[in-house]
Amino acid sequence: MKLIQFINLGGPINWVLAALLCFCFCQCLERALYFFQTRKGSKGDVLLRLREKMAGSESLDEKGKMKKFNAECSILYYEMNRGLWFLNFISSVAPSLGLLGTVTGLIGAFSKLSQAGANVNIHDLSGGIWEAMLTTAFGMIISIPSLLCYRTFKRIIEKRLLAMSLYEEAES
């Protein structure tokens, strides 16, 4: 079964979920590349960048150095967190959209069931249940990896923040 057929079988909510999947994939790839390029020992190393920024502050007094250090750490923190809110958003919204697809699929199935009256066709009923199960599964398929990536990236940020605070202590 091709991906487009799979999406069509799940109904219109699956198209929204497919769009979220594309955005999630792009965001995960972008953040993974960012964290790879700024890993320890690389040209874009966060601590190396912090040291370079702080090198010009030797003429400042202790309070001025601390102010500049905090400003640079804040900039780096926001740079590392860029776009992660979207992964968190996707991980929480995708299951809800999947459940919405479940409800709409079951409503469709029971609507056909009530229209058929005594002439119930199992095919009509199974089509709606099929749609319901597909959207639920698709929502989970999107939610779990996006949450995994979000948590992994947050853990990397925590480690880097710890390294920056240790650097601050070593410099004082």
N, C-alpha and C. Protein backbone atom coordinates (compact mmCIF):
# COMPACT_ATOMS: atom_id res chain seq x y z
N MET A 1 0.85 -1.17 0.00
CA MET A 1 0.00 0.00 0.00
C MET A 1 0.90 1.24 0.00
N LYS A 2 0.59 2.15 -0.88
CA LYS A 2 1.36 3.39 -0.96
C LYS A 2 0.93 4.35 0.15
N LEU A 3 1.82 5.27 0.45
CA LEU A 3 1.56 6.22 1.54
C LEU A 3 0.30 7.04 1.27
N ILE A 4 0.12 7.49 0.05
CA ILE A 4 -1.05 8.32 -0.27
C ILE A 4 -2.34 7.51 -0.10
N GLN A 5 -2.31 6.25 -0.47
CA GLN A 5 -3.49 5.40 -0.27
C GLN A 5 -3.78 5.23 1.22
N PHE A 6 -2.72 5.04 1.98
CA PHE A 6 -2.86 4.91 3.44
C PHE A 6 -3.49 6.17 4.03
N ILE A 7 -3.02 7.32 3.59
CA ILE A 7 -3.56 8.59 4.09
C ILE A 7 -5.02 8.74 3.69
N ASN A 8 -5.34 8.42 2.44
CA ASN A 8 -6.72 8.53 1.98
C ASN A 8 -7.66 7.59 2.73
N LEU A 9 -7.19 6.39 3.06
CA LEU A 9 -8.03 5.44 3.78
C LEU A 9 -8.40 5.94 5.17
N GLY A 10 -7.54 6.74 5.76
CA GLY A 10 -7.80 7.26 7.09
C GLY A 10 -8.70 8.48 7.12
N GLY A 11 -9.06 8.99 5.97
CA GLY A 11 -9.96 10.14 5.92
C GLY A 11 -9.24 11.47 5.95
N PRO A 12 -10.01 12.55 5.99
CA PRO A 12 -9.42 13.89 5.89
C PRO A 12 -8.51 14.26 7.06
N ILE A 13 -8.77 13.73 8.23
CA ILE A 13 -7.92 14.05 9.39
C ILE A 13 -6.51 13.51 9.17
N ASN A 14 -6.40 12.41 8.44
CA ASN A 14 -5.08 11.86 8.16
C ASN A 14 -4.23 12.82 7.32
N TRP A 15 -4.86 13.65 6.50
CA TRP A 15 -4.10 14.63 5.71
C TRP A 15 -3.51 15.70 6.63
N VAL A 16 -4.26 16.09 7.63
CA VAL A 16 -3.72 17.05 8.62
C VAL A 16 -2.55 16.40 9.36
N LEU A 17 -2.74 15.14 9.74
CA LEU A 17 -1.67 14.42 10.43
C LEU A 17 -0.45 14.24 9.53
N ALA A 18 -0.67 14.01 8.25
CA ALA A 18 0.45 13.87 7.31
C ALA A 18 1.23 15.19 7.20
N ALA A 19 0.52 16.30 7.20
CA ALA A 19 1.20 17.60 7.17
C ALA A 19 2.03 17.79 8.44
N LEU A 20 1.46 17.43 9.59
CA LEU A 20 2.21 17.51 10.85
C LEU A 20 3.44 16.61 10.82
N LEU A 21 3.31 15.44 10.20
CA LEU A 21 4.45 14.53 10.09
C LEU A 21 5.58 15.16 9.27
N CYS A 22 5.22 15.83 8.19
CA CYS A 22 6.23 16.51 7.36
C CYS A 22 6.93 17.61 8.16
N PHE A 23 6.16 18.43 8.85
CA PHE A 23 6.75 19.49 9.66
C PHE A 23 7.63 18.92 10.76
N CYS A 24 7.17 17.85 11.38
CA CYS A 24 7.92 17.21 12.46
C CYS A 24 9.25 16.68 11.93
N PHE A 25 9.22 16.02 10.79
CA PHE A 25 10.43 15.48 10.20
C PHE A 25 11.43 16.59 9.89
N CYS A 26 10.94 17.67 9.28
CA CYS A 26 11.82 18.80 8.94
C CYS A 26 12.42 19.43 10.19
N GLN A 27 11.61 19.61 11.22
CA GLN A 27 12.10 20.23 12.46
C GLN A 27 13.12 19.33 13.15
N CYS A 28 12.86 18.03 13.20
CA CYS A 28 13.81 17.09 13.81
C CYS A 28 15.13 17.07 13.05
N LEU A 29 15.05 17.07 11.75
CA LEU A 29 16.26 17.07 10.92
C LEU A 29 17.05 18.36 11.12
N GLU A 30 16.37 19.48 11.15
CA GLU A 30 17.06 20.77 11.33
C GLU A 30 17.75 20.83 12.69
N ARG A 31 17.05 20.44 13.73
CA ARG A 31 17.64 20.48 15.08
C ARG A 31 18.78 19.46 15.22
N ALA A 32 18.61 18.28 14.62
CA ALA A 32 19.68 17.27 14.68
C ALA A 32 20.94 17.80 13.99
N LEU A 33 20.77 18.44 12.85
CA LEU A 33 21.92 19.03 12.15
C LEU A 33 22.55 20.15 12.98
N TYR A 34 21.72 20.97 13.60
CA TYR A 34 22.24 22.05 14.44
C TYR A 34 23.07 21.48 15.60
N PHE A 35 22.50 20.50 16.30
CA PHE A 35 23.22 19.94 17.45
C PHE A 35 24.46 19.18 17.02
N PHE A 36 24.43 18.58 15.85
CA PHE A 36 25.62 17.91 15.35
C PHE A 36 26.72 18.91 15.01
N GLN A 37 26.32 20.01 14.38
CA GLN A 37 27.30 21.03 13.99
C GLN A 37 27.86 21.80 15.18
N THR A 38 27.15 21.83 16.29
CA THR A 38 27.61 22.58 17.46
C THR A 38 28.04 21.66 18.59
N ARG A 39 28.33 20.40 18.27
CA ARG A 39 28.76 19.45 19.29
C ARG A 39 30.14 19.83 19.83
N LYS A 40 30.49 19.23 20.95
CA LYS A 40 31.76 19.51 21.60
C LYS A 40 32.93 19.12 20.69
N GLY A 41 33.88 20.02 20.58
CA GLY A 41 35.05 19.77 19.75
C GLY A 41 34.89 20.17 18.30
N SER A 42 33.70 20.60 17.89
CA SER A 42 33.51 21.02 16.50
C SER A 42 33.74 22.51 16.38
N LYS A 43 33.71 22.98 15.15
CA LYS A 43 33.93 24.41 14.88
C LYS A 43 32.85 25.27 15.54
N GLY A 44 31.63 24.78 15.62
CA GLY A 44 30.52 25.55 16.20
C GLY A 44 30.26 25.24 17.66
N ASP A 45 31.21 24.60 18.34
CA ASP A 45 31.07 24.21 19.75
C ASP A 45 30.55 25.39 20.58
N VAL A 46 29.52 25.13 21.37
CA VAL A 46 28.88 26.18 22.16
C VAL A 46 29.86 26.79 23.16
N LEU A 47 30.63 25.96 23.85
CA LEU A 47 31.60 26.49 24.82
C LEU A 47 32.69 27.29 24.13
N LEU A 48 33.12 26.83 22.97
CA LEU A 48 34.13 27.56 22.20
C LEU A 48 33.59 28.93 21.80
N ARG A 49 32.35 28.95 21.34
CA ARG A 49 31.73 30.23 20.97
C ARG A 49 31.60 31.15 22.18
N LEU A 50 31.27 30.56 23.33
CA LEU A 50 31.13 31.35 24.55
C LEU A 50 32.49 31.93 24.96
N ARG A 51 33.53 31.13 24.88
CA ARG A 51 34.88 31.61 25.20
C ARG A 51 35.30 32.76 24.28
N GLU A 52 35.01 32.60 22.99
CA GLU A 52 35.35 33.65 22.02
C GLU A 52 34.62 34.95 22.34
N LYS A 53 33.35 34.84 22.69
CA LYS A 53 32.56 36.05 23.01
C LYS A 53 33.07 36.70 24.29
N MET A 54 33.49 35.86 25.24
CA MET A 54 33.95 36.40 26.52
C MET A 54 35.38 36.92 26.45
N ALA A 55 36.13 36.55 25.42
CA ALA A 55 37.53 36.96 25.32
C ALA A 55 37.65 38.49 25.23
N GLY A 56 36.70 39.12 24.64
CA GLY A 56 36.76 40.57 24.51
C GLY A 56 36.32 41.32 25.76
N SER A 57 35.96 40.63 26.80
CA SER A 57 35.44 41.29 28.00
C SER A 57 36.47 41.41 29.11
N GLU A 58 37.75 41.25 28.77
CA GLU A 58 38.79 41.31 29.80
C GLU A 58 38.91 42.69 30.41
N SER A 59 38.52 43.71 29.67
CA SER A 59 38.61 45.07 30.18
C SER A 59 37.44 45.42 31.12
N LEU A 60 36.45 44.57 31.18
CA LEU A 60 35.29 44.84 32.03
C LEU A 60 35.56 44.43 33.47
N ASP A 61 34.83 45.08 34.38
CA ASP A 61 34.93 44.65 35.78
C ASP A 61 34.14 43.36 35.98
N GLU A 62 34.17 42.82 37.17
CA GLU A 62 33.53 41.51 37.45
C GLU A 62 32.03 41.54 37.16
N LYS A 63 31.36 42.64 37.53
CA LYS A 63 29.93 42.75 37.31
C LYS A 63 29.63 42.83 35.81
N GLY A 64 30.45 43.55 35.08
CA GLY A 64 30.27 43.67 33.62
C GLY A 64 30.50 42.34 32.92
N LYS A 65 31.51 41.60 33.39
CA LYS A 65 31.78 40.27 32.81
C LYS A 65 30.59 39.33 33.05
N MET A 66 30.07 39.38 34.26
CA MET A 66 28.94 38.51 34.60
C MET A 66 27.71 38.87 33.77
N LYS A 67 27.50 40.16 33.56
CA LYS A 67 26.36 40.61 32.77
C LYS A 67 26.51 40.14 31.32
N LYS A 68 27.72 40.28 30.78
CA LYS A 68 27.96 39.84 29.40
C LYS A 68 27.83 38.32 29.30
N PHE A 69 28.35 37.60 30.28
CA PHE A 69 28.26 36.14 30.29
C PHE A 69 26.81 35.70 30.29
N ASN A 70 26.00 36.29 31.14
CA ASN A 70 24.58 35.93 31.22
C ASN A 70 23.85 36.24 29.91
N ALA A 71 24.20 37.36 29.30
CA ALA A 71 23.57 37.73 28.03
C ALA A 71 23.94 36.72 26.94
N GLU A 72 25.21 36.35 26.87
CA GLU A 72 25.65 35.38 25.86
C GLU A 72 25.03 34.01 26.11
N CYS A 73 24.93 33.61 27.36
CA CYS A 73 24.29 32.32 27.69
C CYS A 73 22.82 32.33 27.31
N SER A 74 22.16 33.45 27.54
CA SER A 74 20.74 33.55 27.16
C SER A 74 20.55 33.43 25.66
N ILE A 75 21.42 34.08 24.90
CA ILE A 75 21.35 34.00 23.44
C ILE A 75 21.55 32.56 22.98
N LEU A 76 22.57 31.90 23.54
CA LEU A 76 22.83 30.51 23.16
C LEU A 76 21.68 29.60 23.57
N TYR A 77 21.11 29.84 24.73
CA TYR A 77 19.99 29.03 25.20
C TYR A 77 18.81 29.14 24.24
N TYR A 78 18.46 30.34 23.84
CA TYR A 78 17.34 30.52 22.92
C TYR A 78 17.65 29.97 21.54
N GLU A 79 18.90 30.05 21.13
CA GLU A 79 19.32 29.48 19.85
C GLU A 79 19.17 27.95 19.88
N MET A 80 19.56 27.33 20.99
CA MET A 80 19.45 25.87 21.09
C MET A 80 17.99 25.42 21.15
N ASN A 81 17.11 26.20 21.73
CA ASN A 81 15.70 25.85 21.89
C ASN A 81 14.83 26.21 20.69
N ARG A 82 15.42 26.85 19.71
CA ARG A 82 14.64 27.33 18.57
C ARG A 82 13.86 26.19 17.91
N GLY A 83 12.56 26.34 17.83
CA GLY A 83 11.70 25.39 17.14
C GLY A 83 11.28 24.17 17.96
N LEU A 84 11.85 24.02 19.14
CA LEU A 84 11.49 22.83 19.93
C LEU A 84 10.06 22.90 20.44
N TRP A 85 9.51 24.09 20.59
CA TRP A 85 8.13 24.22 21.02
C TRP A 85 7.21 23.52 20.02
N PHE A 86 7.61 23.54 18.74
CA PHE A 86 6.78 22.94 17.70
C PHE A 86 6.76 21.41 17.84
N LEU A 87 7.91 20.82 18.17
CA LEU A 87 7.94 19.37 18.40
C LEU A 87 7.08 18.99 19.60
N ASN A 88 7.14 19.80 20.63
CA ASN A 88 6.31 19.56 21.82
C ASN A 88 4.83 19.69 21.45
N PHE A 89 4.51 20.67 20.66
CA PHE A 89 3.14 20.90 20.19
C PHE A 89 2.64 19.70 19.40
N ILE A 90 3.46 19.22 18.46
CA ILE A 90 3.07 18.09 17.63
C ILE A 90 2.86 16.83 18.48
N SER A 91 3.77 16.63 19.44
CA SER A 91 3.65 15.42 20.26
C SER A 91 2.39 15.41 21.12
N SER A 92 1.87 16.59 21.42
CA SER A 92 0.64 16.62 22.22
C SER A 92 -0.62 16.72 21.37
N VAL A 93 -0.53 17.28 20.18
CA VAL A 93 -1.71 17.46 19.33
C VAL A 93 -1.99 16.24 18.46
N ALA A 94 -0.97 15.54 18.01
CA ALA A 94 -1.16 14.42 17.08
C ALA A 94 -2.08 13.33 17.66
N PRO A 95 -1.91 12.91 18.92
CA PRO A 95 -2.85 11.90 19.44
C PRO A 95 -4.28 12.42 19.52
N SER A 96 -4.43 13.69 19.82
CA SER A 96 -5.79 14.27 19.87
C SER A 96 -6.43 14.28 18.49
N LEU A 97 -5.64 14.61 17.48
CA LEU A 97 -6.16 14.56 16.11
C LEU A 97 -6.49 13.12 15.72
N GLY A 98 -5.66 12.19 16.15
CA GLY A 98 -5.95 10.78 15.89
C GLY A 98 -7.27 10.36 16.52
N LEU A 99 -7.48 10.81 17.75
CA LEU A 99 -8.76 10.50 18.42
C LEU A 99 -9.94 11.18 17.73
N LEU A 100 -9.71 12.38 17.23
CA LEU A 100 -10.76 13.06 16.46
C LEU A 100 -11.11 12.24 15.22
N GLY A 101 -10.08 11.71 14.56
CA GLY A 101 -10.33 10.84 13.41
C GLY A 101 -11.08 9.59 13.80
N THR A 102 -10.79 9.08 14.99
CA THR A 102 -11.50 7.91 15.50
C THR A 102 -12.98 8.22 15.67
N VAL A 103 -13.25 9.33 16.28
CA VAL A 103 -14.64 9.73 16.51
C VAL A 103 -15.37 9.96 15.20
N THR A 104 -14.75 10.68 14.27
CA THR A 104 -15.43 10.94 12.99
C THR A 104 -15.62 9.65 12.20
N GLY A 105 -14.64 8.73 12.28
CA GLY A 105 -14.81 7.44 11.60
C GLY A 105 -15.95 6.63 12.19
N LEU A 106 -16.04 6.62 13.51
CA LEU A 106 -17.12 5.87 14.15
C LEU A 106 -18.48 6.52 13.91
N ILE A 107 -18.50 7.85 13.88
CA ILE A 107 -19.76 8.54 13.55
C ILE A 107 -20.21 8.15 12.15
N GLY A 108 -19.27 8.12 11.22
CA GLY A 108 -19.60 7.72 9.84
C GLY A 108 -20.10 6.28 9.78
N ALA A 109 -19.44 5.41 10.54
CA ALA A 109 -19.85 4.00 10.54
C ALA A 109 -21.25 3.84 11.11
N PHE A 110 -21.51 4.49 12.22
CA PHE A 110 -22.83 4.35 12.84
C PHE A 110 -23.90 5.07 12.05
N SER A 111 -23.54 6.12 11.33
CA SER A 111 -24.49 6.80 10.47
C SER A 111 -24.93 5.86 9.34
N LYS A 112 -23.95 5.19 8.73
CA LYS A 112 -24.30 4.22 7.68
C LYS A 112 -25.10 3.06 8.26
N LEU A 113 -24.77 2.67 9.46
CA LEU A 113 -25.48 1.58 10.13
C LEU A 113 -26.95 1.96 10.37
N SER A 114 -27.18 3.19 10.81
CA SER A 114 -28.56 3.61 11.08
C SER A 114 -29.34 3.80 9.78
N GLN A 115 -28.69 4.21 8.72
CA GLN A 115 -29.37 4.37 7.43
C GLN A 115 -29.73 3.02 6.82
N ALA A 116 -28.90 2.02 7.09
CA ALA A 116 -29.15 0.69 6.52
C ALA A 116 -30.32 -0.01 7.20
N GLY A 117 -30.58 0.36 8.44
CA GLY A 117 -31.68 -0.26 9.17
C GLY A 117 -31.43 -1.74 9.39
N ALA A 118 -32.38 -2.57 8.94
CA ALA A 118 -32.26 -4.02 9.14
C ALA A 118 -31.30 -4.65 8.14
N ASN A 119 -30.99 -3.94 7.05
CA ASN A 119 -30.10 -4.46 6.01
C ASN A 119 -28.66 -4.04 6.27
N VAL A 120 -28.14 -4.40 7.42
CA VAL A 120 -26.79 -4.00 7.80
C VAL A 120 -25.78 -4.76 6.95
N ASN A 121 -24.88 -4.00 6.36
CA ASN A 121 -23.79 -4.56 5.57
C ASN A 121 -22.50 -4.39 6.37
N ILE A 122 -21.85 -5.46 6.65
CA ILE A 122 -20.63 -5.40 7.46
C ILE A 122 -19.56 -4.54 6.78
N HIS A 123 -19.59 -4.45 5.48
CA HIS A 123 -18.63 -3.64 4.74
C HIS A 123 -18.77 -2.16 5.08
N ASP A 124 -20.01 -1.69 5.19
CA ASP A 124 -20.24 -0.28 5.54
C ASP A 124 -19.71 0.02 6.94
N LEU A 125 -19.97 -0.87 7.85
CA LEU A 125 -19.53 -0.68 9.22
C LEU A 125 -18.01 -0.75 9.33
N SER A 126 -17.41 -1.71 8.66
CA SER A 126 -15.95 -1.88 8.78
C SER A 126 -15.19 -0.72 8.16
N GLY A 127 -15.74 -0.06 7.14
CA GLY A 127 -15.06 1.10 6.53
C GLY A 127 -14.85 2.23 7.52
N GLY A 128 -15.87 2.51 8.32
CA GLY A 128 -15.75 3.57 9.32
C GLY A 128 -14.80 3.20 10.45
N ILE A 129 -14.86 1.94 10.85
CA ILE A 129 -13.95 1.48 11.91
C ILE A 129 -12.51 1.48 11.39
N TRP A 130 -12.32 1.12 10.15
CA TRP A 130 -11.00 1.14 9.51
C TRP A 130 -10.43 2.57 9.56
N GLU A 131 -11.26 3.54 9.17
CA GLU A 131 -10.83 4.94 9.21
C GLU A 131 -10.47 5.34 10.63
N ALA A 132 -11.29 4.93 11.57
CA ALA A 132 -11.06 5.28 12.98
C ALA A 132 -9.73 4.72 13.48
N MET A 133 -9.46 3.49 13.19
CA MET A 133 -8.22 2.86 13.67
C MET A 133 -6.98 3.44 12.98
N LEU A 134 -7.10 3.75 11.69
CA LEU A 134 -5.95 4.31 10.97
C LEU A 134 -5.55 5.67 11.51
N THR A 135 -6.52 6.53 11.77
CA THR A 135 -6.16 7.86 12.27
C THR A 135 -5.58 7.80 13.67
N THR A 136 -6.09 6.90 14.49
CA THR A 136 -5.53 6.75 15.83
C THR A 136 -4.08 6.28 15.74
N ALA A 137 -3.83 5.27 14.93
CA ALA A 137 -2.47 4.75 14.77
C ALA A 137 -1.55 5.81 14.18
N PHE A 138 -2.03 6.54 13.20
CA PHE A 138 -1.20 7.57 12.55
C PHE A 138 -0.86 8.69 13.54
N GLY A 139 -1.82 9.06 14.37
CA GLY A 139 -1.54 10.07 15.39
C GLY A 139 -0.47 9.62 16.36
N MET A 140 -0.52 8.37 16.76
CA MET A 140 0.51 7.82 17.67
C MET A 140 1.86 7.69 16.98
N ILE A 141 1.83 7.29 15.71
CA ILE A 141 3.08 7.15 14.95
C ILE A 141 3.79 8.48 14.85
N ILE A 142 3.06 9.55 14.79
CA ILE A 142 3.66 10.89 14.72
C ILE A 142 4.07 11.37 16.11
N SER A 143 3.24 11.14 17.08
CA SER A 143 3.46 11.67 18.43
C SER A 143 4.69 11.08 19.11
N ILE A 144 4.85 9.79 19.02
CA ILE A 144 5.93 9.13 19.77
C ILE A 144 7.32 9.58 19.30
N PRO A 145 7.62 9.56 18.00
CA PRO A 145 8.95 10.03 17.60
C PRO A 145 9.18 11.51 17.85
N SER A 146 8.13 12.34 17.70
CA SER A 146 8.32 13.76 17.96
C SER A 146 8.61 14.02 19.43
N LEU A 147 7.96 13.27 20.32
CA LEU A 147 8.25 13.41 21.75
C LEU A 147 9.64 12.89 22.06
N LEU A 148 10.04 11.81 21.45
CA LEU A 148 11.38 11.27 21.65
C LEU A 148 12.45 12.27 21.21
N CYS A 149 12.26 12.88 20.05
CA CYS A 149 13.22 13.88 19.57
C CYS A 149 13.23 15.10 20.49
N TYR A 150 12.04 15.56 20.88
CA TYR A 150 11.95 16.71 21.77
C TYR A 150 12.72 16.46 23.06
N ARG A 151 12.49 15.31 23.69
CA ARG A 151 13.17 14.99 24.96
C ARG A 151 14.67 14.83 24.76
N THR A 152 15.08 14.23 23.66
CA THR A 152 16.50 14.06 23.38
C THR A 152 17.18 15.42 23.23
N PHE A 153 16.56 16.31 22.46
CA PHE A 153 17.14 17.63 22.25
C PHE A 153 17.17 18.43 23.56
N LYS A 154 16.14 18.30 24.37
CA LYS A 154 16.14 19.00 25.66
C LYS A 154 17.26 18.48 26.56
N ARG A 155 17.52 17.19 26.49
CA ARG A 155 18.61 16.61 27.29
C ARG A 155 19.97 17.14 26.83
N ILE A 156 20.15 17.27 25.54
CA ILE A 156 21.39 17.84 25.01
C ILE A 156 21.55 19.27 25.51
N ILE A 157 20.46 20.03 25.50
CA ILE A 157 20.51 21.42 25.97
C ILE A 157 20.87 21.47 27.45
N GLU A 158 20.28 20.58 28.25
CA GLU A 158 20.61 20.55 29.68
C GLU A 158 22.09 20.29 29.90
N LYS A 159 22.66 19.36 29.15
CA LYS A 159 24.09 19.06 29.28
C LYS A 159 24.94 20.26 28.89
N ARG A 160 24.54 20.95 27.85
CA ARG A 160 25.30 22.12 27.42
C ARG A 160 25.18 23.26 28.41
N LEU A 161 24.00 23.42 29.00
CA LEU A 161 23.84 24.45 30.03
C LEU A 161 24.69 24.14 31.25
N LEU A 162 24.78 22.87 31.60
CA LEU A 162 25.65 22.47 32.70
C LEU A 162 27.10 22.80 32.37
N ALA A 163 27.53 22.51 31.17
CA ALA A 163 28.90 22.83 30.76
C ALA A 163 29.15 24.33 30.80
N MET A 164 28.15 25.13 30.40
CA MET A 164 28.32 26.58 30.44
C MET A 164 28.41 27.08 31.88
N SER A 165 27.61 26.51 32.79
CA SER A 165 27.67 26.95 34.18
C SER A 165 28.99 26.53 34.82
N LEU A 166 29.51 25.36 34.45
CA LEU A 166 30.82 24.93 34.95
C LEU A 166 31.93 25.83 34.42
N TYR A 167 31.78 26.27 33.18
CA TYR A 167 32.73 27.19 32.59
C TYR A 167 32.71 28.51 33.37
N GLU A 168 31.51 28.96 33.72
CA GLU A 168 31.37 30.21 34.49
C GLU A 168 32.08 30.08 35.83
N GLU A 169 31.89 28.96 36.49
CA GLU A 169 32.53 28.76 37.80
C GLU A 169 34.04 28.69 37.67
N ALA A 170 34.53 28.10 36.60
CA ALA A 170 35.97 27.98 36.40
C ALA A 170 36.60 29.34 36.12
N GLU A 171 35.85 30.20 35.48
CA GLU A 171 36.37 31.53 35.13
C GLU A 171 36.33 32.49 36.31
N SER A 172 35.44 32.24 37.29
CA SER A 172 35.35 33.19 38.41
C SER A 172 36.34 32.89 39.49
